[in-house]
Amino acid sequence: MLTSRLFLLGMGLFVAVHAQAEGNVCEPSSGNIARAMFTTQIDDREPVDRVLILENKIPELYFFSDLRHLQGQTVKHRWEYEGRVIKEKVFRVKGPRWRIYSLNKLDKSMLGRWTVVITDKDDCPLKAVIFQYVKSDQGEGSAIIDLR
């Protein structure tokens, strides 16, 4: 069973997730996710911007995570489109502060809600972040916050 609550924090939409994985209750992690965001580029292991809405003329997107106190553990970026898993990337965390990112090539016809769920080794969710992929000729435009 998976339950979630949406929170609008600043300009980003985050999902607080409470879950059961494989019939087991997920235990709280000893560490945390300090930052997690979609970005168009990574420079020196840091995101250059934060994507909230992206026009489909942009064919790829990164997801960045800044992990704290999860050393020795395994985490995963699970890319989902409209609730369907599209891609997964597994990482081994090797230090008390560990920055990771994954890249996804986007099909310009797959418009709508995209989510990356960061999970632990037991597939228990630690954090989820959402962005909207929109048609570029609809006049909606991208919503991207420059972080430089």
Foldseek 3Di string as FASTA:
>chain_A
DKDWDWDCDDPFIWIDIFDAFPNHGDDDDPWAWPDKAKALDADPLHGQKGWAEAELVRFKIKIKTWIAQQAQWKKKWFKDQPRHTDDIDIDHHHDRIDMDMDMDGHDSVRFAKMKIFIATPRRGTRIMTIHTYHHPVPPPHIDMGGPD
